[in-house]
Amino acid sequence: MSTMHDPISGEDPRKFLDSLVYTDAPEMPALPPTSEEIEQGMVTTSLKLPKDMRDRVREVAADHCVTASMLIRQYIEMGLAAEQPDRLIPLSDAIRVLSNLRPTA
């Protein structure tokens, strides 16, 4: 009887399969933080927006099942990340240029 070997590692796959541990009680992954937990340690900053923009922010936030504050924070984080000085060009410049390109057929 010949021994089977994994063509990549050269190992006997039965050895690997025998090392696996099976259980009917899987470990539950940690739940994501609640909005209350996320809000802890935050500071309040007032911001004035045109009514239409505020309504759009609320609508997009609802579509993504997050609060308007969370959505605004995400957008600010993306904007700040785009301004990293070690990039060849700022990401904000690349986005502005690419958003102005005409669609091709």
Protein backbone atom coordinates (compact mmCIF):
# COMPACT_ATOMS: atom_id res chain seq x y z
CA MET A 1 0.00 0.00 0.00
CA SER A 2 1.45 3.38 -1.01
CA THR A 3 1.42 6.41 1.28
CA MET A 4 -0.41 9.50 0.03
CA HIS A 5 1.53 12.78 -0.02
CA ASP A 6 0.46 16.35 -0.56
CA PRO A 7 2.05 17.38 -3.88
CA ILE A 8 2.97 20.81 -2.51
CA SER A 9 4.23 20.12 1.00
CA GLY A 10 5.12 16.45 0.59
CA GLU A 11 3.32 15.74 3.86
CA ASP A 12 0.93 12.86 4.44
CA PRO A 13 -2.55 14.54 4.38
CA ARG A 14 -3.88 11.93 6.82
CA LYS A 15 -1.49 13.26 9.46
CA PHE A 16 -3.01 16.73 9.04
CA LEU A 17 -6.58 15.40 9.07
CA ASP A 18 -5.88 13.39 12.22
CA SER A 19 -4.62 16.55 13.95
CA LEU A 20 -7.91 18.40 13.45
CA VAL A 21 -10.17 18.74 16.48
CA TYR A 22 -13.90 18.71 15.92
CA THR A 23 -16.42 20.08 18.38
CA ASP A 24 -20.15 20.69 18.41
CA ALA A 25 -19.70 23.81 20.53
CA PRO A 26 -18.02 26.35 18.24
CA GLU A 27 -16.44 29.38 19.83
CA MET A 28 -18.59 32.42 19.18
CA PRO A 29 -16.76 35.35 17.61
CA ALA A 30 -16.80 38.63 19.51
CA LEU A 31 -19.73 40.86 18.65
CA PRO A 32 -18.97 44.24 17.10
CA PRO A 33 -19.18 47.16 19.53
CA THR A 34 -22.56 48.77 20.09
CA SER A 35 -23.12 52.37 19.05
CA GLU A 36 -23.03 53.32 22.75
CA GLU A 37 -19.59 51.70 23.12
CA ILE A 38 -18.34 53.49 20.01
CA GLU A 39 -19.63 56.84 21.26
CA GLN A 40 -17.74 56.52 24.57
CA GLY A 41 -14.70 58.78 24.57
CA MET A 42 -15.98 60.88 21.67
CA VAL A 43 -16.22 64.65 21.81
CA THR A 44 -19.10 66.64 20.40
CA THR A 45 -18.34 68.97 17.52
CA SER A 46 -20.97 71.25 16.05
CA LEU A 47 -21.20 71.47 12.28
CA LYS A 48 -23.43 73.54 10.02
CA LEU A 49 -24.70 71.89 6.84
CA PRO A 50 -27.20 72.96 4.21
CA LYS A 51 -30.53 71.22 4.82
CA ASP A 52 -30.28 69.20 1.59
CA MET A 53 -26.84 67.90 2.56
CA ARG A 54 -28.01 67.03 6.07
CA ASP A 55 -30.94 65.11 4.58
CA ARG A 56 -28.62 63.25 2.18
CA VAL A 57 -26.26 62.35 5.05
CA ARG A 58 -29.17 60.98 7.07
CA GLU A 59 -30.48 59.03 4.08
CA VAL A 60 -27.10 57.48 3.23
CA ALA A 61 -26.48 56.69 6.90
CA ALA A 62 -29.85 54.92 7.13
CA ASP A 63 -29.06 52.96 3.96
CA HIS A 64 -25.83 51.76 5.62
CA CYS A 65 -27.50 51.12 9.01
CA VAL A 66 -25.25 53.61 10.83
CA THR A 67 -25.91 56.92 12.51
CA ALA A 68 -25.28 60.18 10.69
CA SER A 69 -22.42 60.85 13.13
CA MET A 70 -20.79 57.53 12.27
CA LEU A 71 -21.08 58.21 8.54
CA ILE A 72 -19.61 61.71 8.88
CA ARG A 73 -16.72 60.28 10.97
CA GLN A 74 -16.05 57.65 8.27
CA TYR A 75 -15.98 60.33 5.57
CA ILE A 76 -13.64 62.50 7.64
CA GLU A 77 -11.35 59.49 8.28
CA MET A 78 -11.23 58.75 4.54
CA GLY A 79 -10.45 62.39 3.77
CA LEU A 80 -7.67 62.51 6.36
CA ALA A 81 -6.21 59.23 5.09
CA ALA A 82 -6.21 60.71 1.58
CA GLU A 83 -3.93 63.51 2.77
CA GLN A 84 -1.08 61.24 3.90
CA PRO A 85 2.20 62.97 3.03
CA ASP A 86 4.01 59.80 1.93
CA ARG A 87 1.84 59.38 -1.16
CA LEU A 88 3.17 60.42 -4.57
CA ILE A 89 0.05 62.54 -5.05
CA PRO A 90 -2.73 63.19 -2.56
CA LEU A 91 -5.56 60.71 -2.92
CA SER A 92 -8.00 63.63 -2.95
CA ASP A 93 -6.31 64.94 -6.13
CA ALA A 94 -6.52 61.52 -7.78
CA ILE A 95 -10.20 61.19 -6.88
CA ARG A 96 -10.94 64.69 -8.19
CA VAL A 97 -9.20 63.97 -11.51
CA LEU A 98 -10.76 60.54 -11.95
CA SER A 99 -14.26 61.81 -11.11
CA ASN A 100 -13.97 64.37 -13.92
CA LEU A 101 -13.11 61.81 -16.62
CA ARG A 102 -15.76 61.27 -19.26
CA PRO A 103 -17.17 57.75 -19.47
CA THR A 104 -15.89 55.70 -22.38
CA ALA A 105 -18.05 53.61 -24.68
